[in-house]
C-alpha atoms as a PDB file:
ATOM      1  CA  MET A   1     -98.004  48.821  56.539  1.00  0.00           C
ATOM      2  CA  ASP A   2     -98.113  52.544  55.901  1.00  0.00           C
ATOM      3  CA  PRO A   3     -96.421  54.735  58.482  1.00  0.00           C
ATOM      4  CA  LEU A   4     -98.705  56.874  60.630  1.00  0.00           C
ATOM      5  CA  ILE A   5     -98.418  60.575  59.780  1.00  0.00           C
ATOM      6  CA  VAL A   6     -98.852  62.803  62.844  1.00  0.00           C
ATOM      7  CA  SER A   7     -99.137  66.599  62.774  1.00  0.00           C
ATOM      8  CA  LEU A   8    -100.254  69.539  64.882  1.00  0.00           C
ATOM      9  CA  ASP A   9    -101.753  72.857  63.775  1.00  0.00           C
ATOM     10  CA  PHE A  10     -98.512  74.661  64.682  1.00  0.00           C
ATOM     11  CA  LEU A  11     -94.731  74.336  65.015  1.00  0.00           C
ATOM     12  CA  GLU A  12     -94.530  76.799  67.902  1.00  0.00           C
ATOM     13  CA  PHE A  13     -97.101  76.544  70.682  1.00  0.00           C
ATOM     14  CA  PRO A  14     -99.692  79.327  70.691  1.00  0.00           C
ATOM     15  CA  PRO A  15    -100.557  80.610  74.182  1.00  0.00           C
ATOM     16  CA  SER A  16    -103.819  78.629  74.281  1.00  0.00           C
ATOM     17  CA  HIS A  17    -101.803  75.393  74.568  1.00  0.00           C
ATOM     18  CA  THR A  18     -99.333  76.638  77.220  1.00  0.00           C
ATOM     19  CA  CYS A  19     -99.462  77.513  80.903  1.00  0.00           C
ATOM     20  CA  GLU A  20     -99.705  81.178  79.847  1.00  0.00           C
ATOM     21  CA  GLY A  21    -103.040  80.619  78.123  1.00  0.00           C
ATOM     22  CA  GLY A  22    -105.785  78.047  78.229  1.00  0.00           C
ATOM     23  CA  ASN A  23    -103.478  75.051  78.784  1.00  0.00           C
ATOM     24  CA  LEU A  24    -105.576  73.114  76.257  1.00  0.00           C
ATOM     25  CA  SER A  25    -104.333  69.890  74.753  1.00  0.00           C
ATOM     26  CA  PRO A  26    -103.692  70.544  71.040  1.00  0.00           C
ATOM     27  CA  ARG A  27    -105.557  69.072  68.098  1.00  0.00           C
ATOM     28  CA  ILE A  28    -103.584  66.133  66.691  1.00  0.00           C
ATOM     29  CA  HIS A  29    -104.014  65.125  63.050  1.00  0.00           C
ATOM     30  CA  LEU A  30    -103.509  61.471  62.069  1.00  0.00           C
ATOM     31  CA  LYS A  31    -103.196  60.325  58.454  1.00  0.00           C
ATOM     32  CA  LYS A  32    -103.062  56.820  57.001  1.00  0.00           C
ATOM     33  CA  ILE A  33    -104.564  55.089  60.056  1.00  0.00           C
ATOM     34  CA  SER A  34    -104.646  51.323  59.618  1.00  0.00           C
ATOM     35  CA  PRO A  35    -108.119  49.877  58.946  1.00  0.00           C
ATOM     36  CA  ALA A  36    -107.313  47.309  61.674  1.00  0.00           C
ATOM     37  CA  ALA A  37    -107.001  50.073  64.290  1.00  0.00           C
ATOM     38  CA  VAL A  38    -109.034  49.642  67.474  1.00  0.00           C
ATOM     39  CA  SER A  39    -107.632  52.484  69.589  1.00  0.00           C
ATOM     40  CA  VAL A  40    -104.947  55.160  69.823  1.00  0.00           C
ATOM     41  CA  ALA A  41    -102.519  56.101  72.603  1.00  0.00           C
ATOM     42  CA  VAL A  42    -100.662  59.413  72.948  1.00  0.00           C
ATOM     43  CA  MET A  43     -97.506  60.055  74.957  1.00  0.00           C
ATOM     44  CA  VAL A  44     -95.981  63.527  75.126  1.00  0.00           C
ATOM     45  CA  PHE A  45     -92.374  64.065  76.215  1.00  0.00           C
ATOM     46  CA  ASN A  46     -90.053  66.939  76.876  1.00  0.00           C
ATOM     47  CA  PRO A  47     -86.874  65.014  76.019  1.00  0.00           C
ATOM     48  CA  PHE A  48     -84.537  67.707  77.328  1.00  0.00           C
ATOM     49  CA  GLU A  49     -85.785  68.240  80.877  1.00  0.00           C
ATOM     50  CA  LYS A  50     -82.729  69.230  82.878  1.00  0.00           C
ATOM     51  CA  SER A  51     -83.832  67.490  86.082  1.00  0.00           C
ATOM     52  CA  CYS A  52     -83.917  64.036  84.450  1.00  0.00           C
ATOM     53  CA  CYS A  53     -83.816  62.420  81.064  1.00  0.00           C
ATOM     54  CA  SER A  54     -87.318  63.091  79.747  1.00  0.00           C
ATOM     55  CA  PHE A  55     -90.415  64.579  81.284  1.00  0.00           C
ATOM     56  CA  THR A  56     -93.929  63.385  80.444  1.00  0.00           C
ATOM     57  CA  PRO A  57     -96.649  66.061  80.621  1.00  0.00           C
ATOM     58  CA  TRP A  58     -99.444  63.932  79.078  1.00  0.00           C
ATOM     59  CA  ILE A  59    -100.368  60.293  78.559  1.00  0.00           C
ATOM     60  CA  CYS A  60    -103.703  59.255  77.129  1.00  0.00           C
ATOM     61  CA  TRP A  61    -105.021  55.969  75.731  1.00  0.00           C
ATOM     62  CA  ASN A  62    -108.136  54.202  74.433  1.00  0.00           C
ATOM     63  CA  LEU A  63    -108.823  57.148  72.140  1.00  0.00           C
ATOM     64  CA  PRO A  64    -110.847  56.264  69.038  1.00  0.00           C
ATOM     65  CA  PRO A  65    -108.826  55.774  65.818  1.00  0.00           C
ATOM     66  CA  ILE A  66    -110.081  58.951  64.150  1.00  0.00           C
ATOM     67  CA  PRO A  67    -108.271  61.356  61.796  1.00  0.00           C
ATOM     68  CA  VAL A  68    -108.363  64.271  64.260  1.00  0.00           C
ATOM     69  CA  ILE A  69    -107.990  64.052  68.017  1.00  0.00           C
ATOM     70  CA  PRO A  70    -109.756  67.256  69.057  1.00  0.00           C
ATOM     71  CA  GLU A  71    -108.142  69.935  71.196  1.00  0.00           C
ATOM     72  CA  GLY A  72    -109.156  70.480  74.777  1.00  0.00           C
ATOM     73  CA  ILE A  73    -109.270  66.949  76.172  1.00  0.00           C
ATOM     74  CA  PRO A  74    -110.308  67.737  79.768  1.00  0.00           C
ATOM     75  CA  THR A  75    -108.238  66.721  82.765  1.00  0.00           C
ATOM     76  CA  GLY A  76    -109.316  63.668  84.725  1.00  0.00           C
ATOM     77  CA  GLU A  77    -108.712  59.967  84.502  1.00  0.00           C
ATOM     78  CA  ILE A  78    -111.762  59.023  82.409  1.00  0.00           C
ATOM     79  CA  VAL A  79    -112.967  61.384  79.689  1.00  0.00           C
ATOM     80  CA  THR A  80    -116.186  61.022  77.699  1.00  0.00           C
ATOM     81  CA  ALA A  81    -116.121  64.220  75.606  1.00  0.00           C
ATOM     82  CA  PRO A  82    -115.052  65.565  73.180  1.00  0.00           C
ATOM     83  CA  VAL A  83    -113.891  61.954  72.626  1.00  0.00           C
ATOM     84  CA  PRO A  84    -113.697  59.002  74.990  1.00  0.00           C
ATOM     85  CA  ALA A  85    -110.261  58.487  76.527  1.00  0.00           C
ATOM     86  CA  VAL A  86    -108.390  57.299  79.604  1.00  0.00           C
ATOM     87  CA  GLN A  87    -105.545  59.381  81.052  1.00  0.00           C
ATOM     88  CA  GLY A  88    -102.662  58.549  83.301  1.00  0.00           C
ATOM     89  CA  ILE A  89    -100.562  60.290  85.879  1.00  0.00           C
ATOM     90  CA  THR A  90     -97.992  62.653  84.401  1.00  0.00           C
ATOM     91  CA  ASP A  91     -94.594  63.637  85.696  1.00  0.00           C
ATOM     92  CA  HIS A  92     -96.357  66.708  87.116  1.00  0.00           C
ATOM     93  CA  GLY A  93     -98.280  64.311  89.385  1.00  0.00           C
ATOM     94  CA  THR A  94    -101.596  65.168  87.708  1.00  0.00           C
ATOM     95  CA  THR A  95    -103.841  63.613  85.082  1.00  0.00           C
ATOM     96  CA  GLY A  96    -104.494  65.344  81.801  1.00  0.00           C
ATOM     97  CA  TYR A  97    -102.464  67.596  79.560  1.00  0.00           C
ATOM     98  CA  THR A  98    -100.162  70.278  80.959  1.00  0.00           C
ATOM     99  CA  GLY A  99     -98.764  72.671  78.390  1.00  0.00           C
ATOM    100  CA  PRO A 100     -95.191  73.929  78.245  1.00  0.00           C
ATOM    101  CA  CYS A 101     -94.150  76.729  80.580  1.00  0.00           C
ATOM    102  CA  PRO A 102     -90.634  77.803  79.605  1.00  0.00           C
ATOM    103  CA  ALA A 103     -88.687  80.235  81.763  1.00  0.00           C
ATOM    104  CA  PRO A 104     -87.812  83.550  80.107  1.00  0.00           C
ATOM    105  CA  GLY A 105     -85.015  83.097  77.576  1.00  0.00           C
ATOM    106  CA  THR A 106     -85.456  79.308  77.365  1.00  0.00           C
ATOM    107  CA  MET A 107     -87.155  76.928  74.969  1.00  0.00           C
ATOM    108  CA  ILE A 108     -89.122  73.721  75.587  1.00  0.00           C
ATOM    109  CA  ARG A 109     -89.663  71.025  72.963  1.00  0.00           C
ATOM    110  CA  TYR A 110     -92.583  68.610  73.250  1.00  0.00           C
ATOM    111  CA  GLN A 111     -92.571  65.366  71.256  1.00  0.00           C
ATOM    112  CA  PHE A 112     -96.008  63.908  70.530  1.00  0.00           C
ATOM    113  CA  ARG A 113     -95.758  60.140  70.067  1.00  0.00           C
ATOM    114  CA  VAL A 114     -98.872  58.427  68.766  1.00  0.00           C
ATOM    115  CA  TYR A 115     -99.480  54.686  68.711  1.00  0.00           C
ATOM    116  CA  VAL A 116    -102.244  52.967  66.728  1.00  0.00           C
ATOM    117  CA  LEU A 117    -103.254  49.789  68.533  1.00  0.00           C
ATOM    118  CA  ASP A 118    -105.019  46.526  67.759  1.00  0.00           C
ATOM    119  CA  THR A 119    -106.951  46.585  71.069  1.00  0.00           C
ATOM    120  CA  MET A 120    -108.371  48.742  73.835  1.00  0.00           C
ATOM    121  CA  LEU A 121    -105.793  48.722  76.619  1.00  0.00           C
ATOM    122  CA  GLU A 122    -106.806  47.131  79.908  1.00  0.00           C
ATOM    123  CA  LEU A 123    -104.838  49.667  81.884  1.00  0.00           C
ATOM    124  CA  PRO A 124    -106.368  51.365  84.919  1.00  0.00           C
ATOM    125  CA  PRO A 125    -107.001  55.115  84.825  1.00  0.00           C
ATOM    126  CA  GLY A 126    -104.181  57.017  86.496  1.00  0.00           C
ATOM    127  CA  ALA A 127    -101.495  54.508  85.446  1.00  0.00           C
ATOM    128  CA  ASP A 128     -98.032  55.955  84.823  1.00  0.00           C
ATOM    129  CA  LYS A 129     -95.920  56.098  81.646  1.00  0.00           C
ATOM    130  CA  HIS A 130     -94.030  52.907  82.527  1.00  0.00           C
ATOM    131  CA  ALA A 131     -97.288  50.957  82.815  1.00  0.00           C
ATOM    132  CA  LEU A 132     -98.465  52.408  79.507  1.00  0.00           C
ATOM    133  CA  VAL A 133     -95.240  51.437  77.736  1.00  0.00           C
ATOM    134  CA  ALA A 134     -95.576  47.886  79.108  1.00  0.00           C
ATOM    135  CA  ALA A 135     -99.235  47.697  77.999  1.00  0.00           C
ATOM    136  CA  LEU A 136     -98.342  48.816  74.454  1.00  0.00           C
ATOM    137  CA  LYS A 137     -96.055  45.816  73.894  1.00  0.00           C
ATOM    138  CA  GLY A 138     -97.434  43.473  71.275  1.00  0.00           C
ATOM    139  CA  HIS A 139    -100.316  45.792  70.331  1.00  0.00           C
ATOM    140  CA  VAL A 140     -98.746  48.558  68.209  1.00  0.00           C
ATOM    141  CA  LEU A 141     -99.901  48.491  64.581  1.00  0.00           C
ATOM    142  CA  GLN A 142     -98.458  51.901  63.688  1.00  0.00           C
ATOM    143  CA  TYR A 143     -96.367  54.637  65.228  1.00  0.00           C
ATOM    144  CA  GLY A 144     -95.749  58.257  64.364  1.00  0.00           C
ATOM    145  CA  GLU A 145     -94.535  61.408  66.027  1.00  0.00           C
ATOM    146  CA  THR A 146     -94.256  65.143  65.658  1.00  0.00           C
ATOM    147  CA  ALA A 147     -92.856  67.964  67.772  1.00  0.00           C
ATOM    148  CA  ALA A 148     -93.444  71.603  68.647  1.00  0.00           C
ATOM    149  CA  VAL A 149     -91.545  74.198  70.666  1.00  0.00           C
ATOM    150  CA  ALA A 150     -92.426  76.933  73.139  1.00  0.00           C
ATOM    151  CA  SER A 151     -90.206  79.908  73.949  1.00  0.00           C
ATOM    152  CA  GLY A 152     -90.085  81.807  77.197  1.00  0.00           C
END
């Protein structure tokens, strides 16, 4: 099976994707998606959060297996546009994407992990990252990741 190639439009977050700007979820490009794909899940981590081990500012699943996940997925547990998706509770205690917000003189790194799945997940809206990880087991056809940074 070919590896999934994941990329963003940037290496450093523009303001539109941070708390300083529009706080929009970024466009995510996917290449070499398996023809057996039924859905896609996205988990975003800040692996260096000082208060714990990793911080999750976005989890989203049951996205269609398309080459470009569009930017600006709205907040809320069930999304119908610009693409259908289900979102879970983040470590911020909210649903939907929250962009990086580094303090002055610091840097934040977000890892975007994307899973191509053989099913639509039967996971309730608002589920947390642990429930999503458990639901992924046995259904991952492909995996890929990319990262970007934001400076304060």
